[in-house]
């Protein structure tokens, strides 16, 4: 009889242990982690690109160069600076051949936008808006977007491809492919 009593008490304690599997606080934490939305980095890059382009064109003319430098990689900034000044009578400008030799290994020099400005071929604008920004491809920390910029006042449309990279937790423009027929 005493042995039966110990057997019954032992079975009741085993049931208690089997029921208690996970504390309630851990269950709530797991639910929160599972329902947390995944961060879509390409969407973040797209939003950053749209805002950066529109903010760039809203800034005053005196700060455009400084603002360009803030939103581009150092290599692209130097490359585009050279492209804008090819065969111009300014200090440090390159001839067309010097430009090709300097940058042909790093960038698609046929799409450099030689002789035209950053992002658009026009020199004057009223209000530039991003009317299209579609992700074409992504690779690790690099995103290529098909972008159309529109200036409603002179009714100009500027189709470009923009490569955005994530460096040190920030997005930066790493290349802009502009079709300018004058340069081959």
C-alpha atoms as a PDB file:
ATOM      1  CA  UNK A   1       0.000   0.000   0.000  1.00  0.00           C
ATOM      2  CA  UNK A   2       2.794   2.437   0.804  1.00  0.00           C
ATOM      3  CA  UNK A   3       4.452   1.538  -2.479  1.00  0.00           C
ATOM      4  CA  UNK A   4       1.206   2.339  -4.339  1.00  0.00           C
ATOM      5  CA  UNK A   5       1.051   5.747  -2.656  1.00  0.00           C
ATOM      6  CA  UNK A   6       4.599   6.605  -3.789  1.00  0.00           C
ATOM      7  CA  UNK A   7       3.759   5.482  -7.322  1.00  0.00           C
ATOM      8  CA  UNK A   8       0.665   7.741  -7.491  1.00  0.00           C
ATOM      9  CA  UNK A   9       2.564  10.773  -6.111  1.00  0.00           C
ATOM     10  CA  UNK A  10       5.420  10.176  -8.588  1.00  0.00           C
ATOM     11  CA  UNK A  11       3.025  10.076 -11.560  1.00  0.00           C
ATOM     12  CA  UNK A  12       1.356  13.359 -10.538  1.00  0.00           C
ATOM     13  CA  UNK A  13       4.708  15.174 -10.370  1.00  0.00           C
ATOM     14  CA  UNK A  14       5.725  13.836 -13.795  1.00  0.00           C
ATOM     15  CA  UNK A  15       2.533  15.275 -15.283  1.00  0.00           C
ATOM     16  CA  UNK A  16       3.313  18.700 -13.794  1.00  0.00           C
ATOM     17  CA  UNK A  17       6.774  18.653 -15.332  1.00  0.00           C
ATOM     18  CA  UNK A  18       5.437  17.648 -18.750  1.00  0.00           C
ATOM     19  CA  UNK A  19       2.866  20.470 -18.821  1.00  0.00           C
ATOM     20  CA  UNK A  20       5.352  23.236 -17.973  1.00  0.00           C
ATOM     21  CA  UNK A  21       7.405  23.454 -21.175  1.00  0.00           C
ATOM     22  CA  UNK A  22       8.109  27.135 -21.702  1.00  0.00           C
ATOM     23  CA  UNK A  23       7.629  30.167 -19.471  1.00  0.00           C
ATOM     24  CA  UNK A  24       4.987  32.642 -20.667  1.00  0.00           C
ATOM     25  CA  UNK A  25       7.532  35.468 -21.052  1.00  0.00           C
ATOM     26  CA  UNK A  26       9.562  33.386 -23.528  1.00  0.00           C
ATOM     27  CA  UNK A  27       6.423  32.565 -25.515  1.00  0.00           C
ATOM     28  CA  UNK A  28       5.551  36.261 -25.910  1.00  0.00           C
ATOM     29  CA  UNK A  29       9.125  37.068 -26.988  1.00  0.00           C
ATOM     30  CA  UNK A  30       9.065  34.345 -29.651  1.00  0.00           C
ATOM     31  CA  UNK A  31       5.774  35.612 -31.051  1.00  0.00           C
ATOM     32  CA  UNK A  32       7.153  39.160 -31.300  1.00  0.00           C
ATOM     33  CA  UNK A  33      10.268  37.939 -33.118  1.00  0.00           C
ATOM     34  CA  UNK A  34       8.263  35.857 -35.568  1.00  0.00           C
ATOM     35  CA  UNK A  35       5.819  38.641 -36.483  1.00  0.00           C
ATOM     36  CA  UNK A  36       8.518  41.317 -36.857  1.00  0.00           C
ATOM     37  CA  UNK A  37       8.558  42.415 -40.537  1.00  0.00           C
ATOM     38  CA  UNK A  38      11.670  41.772 -42.605  1.00  0.00           C
ATOM     39  CA  UNK A  39      13.509  44.917 -43.663  1.00  0.00           C
ATOM     40  CA  UNK A  40      13.520  45.167 -47.451  1.00  0.00           C
ATOM     41  CA  UNK A  41      16.804  46.893 -48.180  1.00  0.00           C
ATOM     42  CA  UNK A  42      16.077  47.457 -51.881  1.00  0.00           C
ATOM     43  CA  UNK A  43      12.933  49.393 -50.910  1.00  0.00           C
ATOM     44  CA  UNK A  44      14.996  51.454 -48.471  1.00  0.00           C
ATOM     45  CA  UNK A  45      17.533  52.157 -51.236  1.00  0.00           C
ATOM     46  CA  UNK A  46      14.745  53.188 -53.607  1.00  0.00           C
ATOM     47  CA  UNK A  47      13.196  55.560 -51.077  1.00  0.00           C
ATOM     48  CA  UNK A  48      16.598  57.032 -50.252  1.00  0.00           C
ATOM     49  CA  UNK A  49      17.394  57.536 -53.958  1.00  0.00           C
ATOM     50  CA  UNK A  50      14.082  59.267 -54.721  1.00  0.00           C
ATOM     51  CA  UNK A  51      14.409  61.609 -51.739  1.00  0.00           C
ATOM     52  CA  UNK A  52      18.099  62.337 -52.385  1.00  0.00           C
ATOM     53  CA  UNK A  53      17.564  63.228 -56.036  1.00  0.00           C
ATOM     54  CA  UNK A  54      14.638  65.550 -55.340  1.00  0.00           C
ATOM     55  CA  UNK A  55      16.444  67.178 -52.388  1.00  0.00           C
ATOM     56  CA  UNK A  56      19.536  67.672 -54.548  1.00  0.00           C
ATOM     57  CA  UNK A  57      17.571  69.652 -57.144  1.00  0.00           C
ATOM     58  CA  UNK A  58      15.784  71.687 -54.461  1.00  0.00           C
ATOM     59  CA  UNK A  59      19.067  72.945 -52.999  1.00  0.00           C
ATOM     60  CA  UNK A  60      20.503  76.289 -53.998  1.00  0.00           C
ATOM     61  CA  UNK A  61      22.968  76.433 -56.892  1.00  0.00           C
ATOM     62  CA  UNK A  62      25.912  77.347 -54.657  1.00  0.00           C
ATOM     63  CA  UNK A  63      25.702  74.106 -52.698  1.00  0.00           C
ATOM     64  CA  UNK A  64      25.067  71.648 -55.565  1.00  0.00           C
ATOM     65  CA  UNK A  65      28.663  70.413 -55.685  1.00  0.00           C
ATOM     66  CA  UNK A  66      28.788  69.877 -51.921  1.00  0.00           C
ATOM     67  CA  UNK A  67      25.412  68.092 -52.001  1.00  0.00           C
ATOM     68  CA  UNK A  68      26.525  65.897 -54.902  1.00  0.00           C
ATOM     69  CA  UNK A  69      29.571  64.895 -52.894  1.00  0.00           C
ATOM     70  CA  UNK A  70      27.360  63.923 -49.933  1.00  0.00           C
ATOM     71  CA  UNK A  71      25.189  61.506 -51.958  1.00  0.00           C
ATOM     72  CA  UNK A  72      27.840  59.879 -54.173  1.00  0.00           C
ATOM     73  CA  UNK A  73      30.802  57.571 -53.665  1.00  0.00           C
ATOM     74  CA  UNK A  74      34.203  59.260 -53.871  1.00  0.00           C
ATOM     75  CA  UNK A  75      35.073  57.403 -57.094  1.00  0.00           C
ATOM     76  CA  UNK A  76      31.833  58.360 -58.802  1.00  0.00           C
ATOM     77  CA  UNK A  77      32.138  61.987 -57.658  1.00  0.00           C
ATOM     78  CA  UNK A  78      35.656  62.220 -59.134  1.00  0.00           C
ATOM     79  CA  UNK A  79      34.589  60.402 -62.315  1.00  0.00           C
ATOM     80  CA  UNK A  80      31.547  62.603 -62.935  1.00  0.00           C
ATOM     81  CA  UNK A  81      33.572  65.721 -62.179  1.00  0.00           C
ATOM     82  CA  UNK A  82      36.032  64.694 -64.881  1.00  0.00           C
ATOM     83  CA  UNK A  83      33.172  63.835 -67.277  1.00  0.00           C
ATOM     84  CA  UNK A  84      31.508  67.222 -66.859  1.00  0.00           C
ATOM     85  CA  UNK A  85      34.758  69.043 -67.592  1.00  0.00           C
ATOM     86  CA  UNK A  86      36.124  67.063 -70.580  1.00  0.00           C
ATOM     87  CA  UNK A  87      37.801  69.448 -73.057  1.00  0.00           C
ATOM     88  CA  UNK A  88      36.754  72.508 -71.052  1.00  0.00           C
ATOM     89  CA  UNK A  89      39.154  75.326 -70.348  1.00  0.00           C
ATOM     90  CA  UNK A  90      39.349  74.778 -66.570  1.00  0.00           C
ATOM     91  CA  UNK A  91      42.132  73.602 -64.284  1.00  0.00           C
ATOM     92  CA  UNK A  92      42.383  69.842 -64.143  1.00  0.00           C
ATOM     93  CA  UNK A  93      40.131  69.183 -67.132  1.00  0.00           C
ATOM     94  CA  UNK A  94      40.998  66.168 -69.253  1.00  0.00           C
ATOM     95  CA  UNK A  95      40.933  65.658 -72.968  1.00  0.00           C
ATOM     96  CA  UNK A  96      38.472  63.091 -74.250  1.00  0.00           C
ATOM     97  CA  UNK A  97      41.268  60.535 -74.653  1.00  0.00           C
ATOM     98  CA  UNK A  98      42.706  61.204 -71.183  1.00  0.00           C
ATOM     99  CA  UNK A  99      39.235  60.742 -69.721  1.00  0.00           C
ATOM    100  CA  UNK A 100      38.795  57.427 -71.527  1.00  0.00           C
ATOM    101  CA  UNK A 101      42.205  56.167 -70.421  1.00  0.00           C
ATOM    102  CA  UNK A 102      41.685  57.192 -66.803  1.00  0.00           C
ATOM    103  CA  UNK A 103      38.221  55.705 -66.254  1.00  0.00           C
ATOM    104  CA  UNK A 104      37.676  52.923 -68.829  1.00  0.00           C
ATOM    105  CA  UNK A 105      38.431  50.136 -66.338  1.00  0.00           C
ATOM    106  CA  UNK A 106      36.057  51.342 -63.604  1.00  0.00           C
ATOM    107  CA  UNK A 107      33.049  52.820 -65.392  1.00  0.00           C
ATOM    108  CA  UNK A 108      31.126  52.552 -68.662  1.00  0.00           C
ATOM    109  CA  UNK A 109      32.579  55.724 -70.173  1.00  0.00           C
ATOM    110  CA  UNK A 110      30.087  55.654 -73.060  1.00  0.00           C
ATOM    111  CA  UNK A 111      27.339  56.332 -70.476  1.00  0.00           C
ATOM    112  CA  UNK A 112      29.270  58.934 -68.459  1.00  0.00           C
ATOM    113  CA  UNK A 113      27.237  61.927 -69.539  1.00  0.00           C
ATOM    114  CA  UNK A 114      30.339  63.747 -70.780  1.00  0.00           C
ATOM    115  CA  UNK A 115      29.774  67.471 -70.963  1.00  0.00           C
ATOM    116  CA  UNK A 116      26.450  67.335 -69.142  1.00  0.00           C
ATOM    117  CA  UNK A 117      25.470  67.747 -65.523  1.00  0.00           C
ATOM    118  CA  UNK A 118      24.937  65.308 -62.701  1.00  0.00           C
ATOM    119  CA  UNK A 119      21.753  63.232 -63.235  1.00  0.00           C
ATOM    120  CA  UNK A 120      20.314  65.426 -66.026  1.00  0.00           C
ATOM    121  CA  UNK A 121      21.591  66.686 -69.366  1.00  0.00           C
ATOM    122  CA  UNK A 122      19.916  70.083 -68.964  1.00  0.00           C
ATOM    123  CA  UNK A 123      21.670  73.068 -67.448  1.00  0.00           C
ATOM    124  CA  UNK A 124      18.552  74.833 -66.229  1.00  0.00           C
ATOM    125  CA  UNK A 125      15.559  73.317 -64.483  1.00  0.00           C
ATOM    126  CA  UNK A 126      12.505  74.411 -62.576  1.00  0.00           C
ATOM    127  CA  UNK A 127      11.330  71.436 -60.513  1.00  0.00           C
ATOM    128  CA  UNK A 128      12.864  68.005 -61.036  1.00  0.00           C
ATOM    129  CA  UNK A 129      10.725  65.090 -59.890  1.00  0.00           C
ATOM    130  CA  UNK A 130      11.378  61.370 -59.890  1.00  0.00           C
ATOM    131  CA  UNK A 131       8.526  59.976 -61.987  1.00  0.00           C
ATOM    132  CA  UNK A 132       9.889  56.435 -62.191  1.00  0.00           C
ATOM    133  CA  UNK A 133      12.262  54.494 -59.959  1.00  0.00           C
ATOM    134  CA  UNK A 134      12.187  50.775 -60.610  1.00  0.00           C
ATOM    135  CA  UNK A 135      14.634  48.207 -59.291  1.00  0.00           C
ATOM    136  CA  UNK A 136      16.331  46.389 -62.180  1.00  0.00           C
ATOM    137  CA  UNK A 137      18.808  44.249 -60.255  1.00  0.00           C
ATOM    138  CA  UNK A 138      20.495  43.806 -56.904  1.00  0.00           C
ATOM    139  CA  UNK A 139      23.730  42.172 -55.852  1.00  0.00           C
ATOM    140  CA  UNK A 140      24.843  42.128 -52.196  1.00  0.00           C
ATOM    141  CA  UNK A 141      25.014  45.835 -51.261  1.00  0.00           C
ATOM    142  CA  UNK A 142      24.422  47.141 -54.794  1.00  0.00           C
ATOM    143  CA  UNK A 143      21.135  48.098 -56.472  1.00  0.00           C
ATOM    144  CA  UNK A 144      20.521  49.209 -60.064  1.00  0.00           C
ATOM    145  CA  UNK A 145      17.460  51.384 -60.691  1.00  0.00           C
ATOM    146  CA  UNK A 146      15.751  52.498 -63.881  1.00  0.00           C
ATOM    147  CA  UNK A 147      14.967  56.144 -63.132  1.00  0.00           C
ATOM    148  CA  UNK A 148      13.086  58.818 -65.044  1.00  0.00           C
ATOM    149  CA  UNK A 149      13.455  62.425 -63.961  1.00  0.00           C
ATOM    150  CA  UNK A 150      10.918  64.933 -65.220  1.00  0.00           C
ATOM    151  CA  UNK A 151      11.035  68.722 -65.295  1.00  0.00           C
ATOM    152  CA  UNK A 152       7.499  69.936 -65.963  1.00  0.00           C
ATOM    153  CA  UNK A 153       8.257  73.590 -66.746  1.00  0.00           C
ATOM    154  CA  UNK A 154      10.467  73.047 -69.803  1.00  0.00           C
ATOM    155  CA  UNK A 155       8.768  69.653 -70.317  1.00  0.00           C
ATOM    156  CA  UNK A 156      12.026  67.686 -70.235  1.00  0.00           C
ATOM    157  CA  UNK A 157      12.386  64.000 -69.450  1.00  0.00           C
ATOM    158  CA  UNK A 158      15.693  62.464 -68.393  1.00  0.00           C
ATOM    159  CA  UNK A 159      15.875  58.653 -68.407  1.00  0.00           C
ATOM    160  CA  UNK A 160      18.899  57.296 -66.510  1.00  0.00           C
ATOM    161  CA  UNK A 161      20.090  54.168 -64.738  1.00  0.00           C
ATOM    162  CA  UNK A 162      21.421  54.694 -61.225  1.00  0.00           C
ATOM    163  CA  UNK A 163      23.575  52.294 -59.246  1.00  0.00           C
ATOM    164  CA  UNK A 164      23.200  52.682 -55.480  1.00  0.00           C
ATOM    165  CA  UNK A 165      25.582  51.041 -53.013  1.00  0.00           C
ATOM    166  CA  UNK A 166      25.381  50.646 -49.280  1.00  0.00           C
ATOM    167  CA  UNK A 167      28.624  51.659 -47.587  1.00  0.00           C
ATOM    168  CA  UNK A 168      29.138  51.949 -43.833  1.00  0.00           C
ATOM    169  CA  UNK A 169      25.379  51.793 -43.216  1.00  0.00           C
ATOM    170  CA  UNK A 170      24.544  54.548 -45.730  1.00  0.00           C
ATOM    171  CA  UNK A 171      23.354  54.512 -49.311  1.00  0.00           C
ATOM    172  CA  UNK A 172      25.387  56.342 -51.951  1.00  0.00           C
ATOM    173  CA  UNK A 173      25.125  56.780 -55.709  1.00  0.00           C
ATOM    174  CA  UNK A 174      27.956  54.739 -57.241  1.00  0.00           C
ATOM    175  CA  UNK A 175      27.204  55.336 -60.936  1.00  0.00           C
ATOM    176  CA  UNK A 176      24.736  57.080 -63.233  1.00  0.00           C
ATOM    177  CA  UNK A 177      24.360  55.790 -66.773  1.00  0.00           C
ATOM    178  CA  UNK A 178      23.360  58.658 -69.053  1.00  0.00           C
ATOM    179  CA  UNK A 179      22.794  58.331 -72.786  1.00  0.00           C
ATOM    180  CA  UNK A 180      24.449  61.320 -74.405  1.00  0.00           C
ATOM    181  CA  UNK A 181      24.964  60.682 -78.150  1.00  0.00           C
ATOM    182  CA  UNK A 182      27.785  63.203 -78.640  1.00  0.00           C
ATOM    183  CA  UNK A 183      30.382  61.082 -76.798  1.00  0.00           C
ATOM    184  CA  UNK A 184      31.585  57.690 -78.056  1.00  0.00           C
END
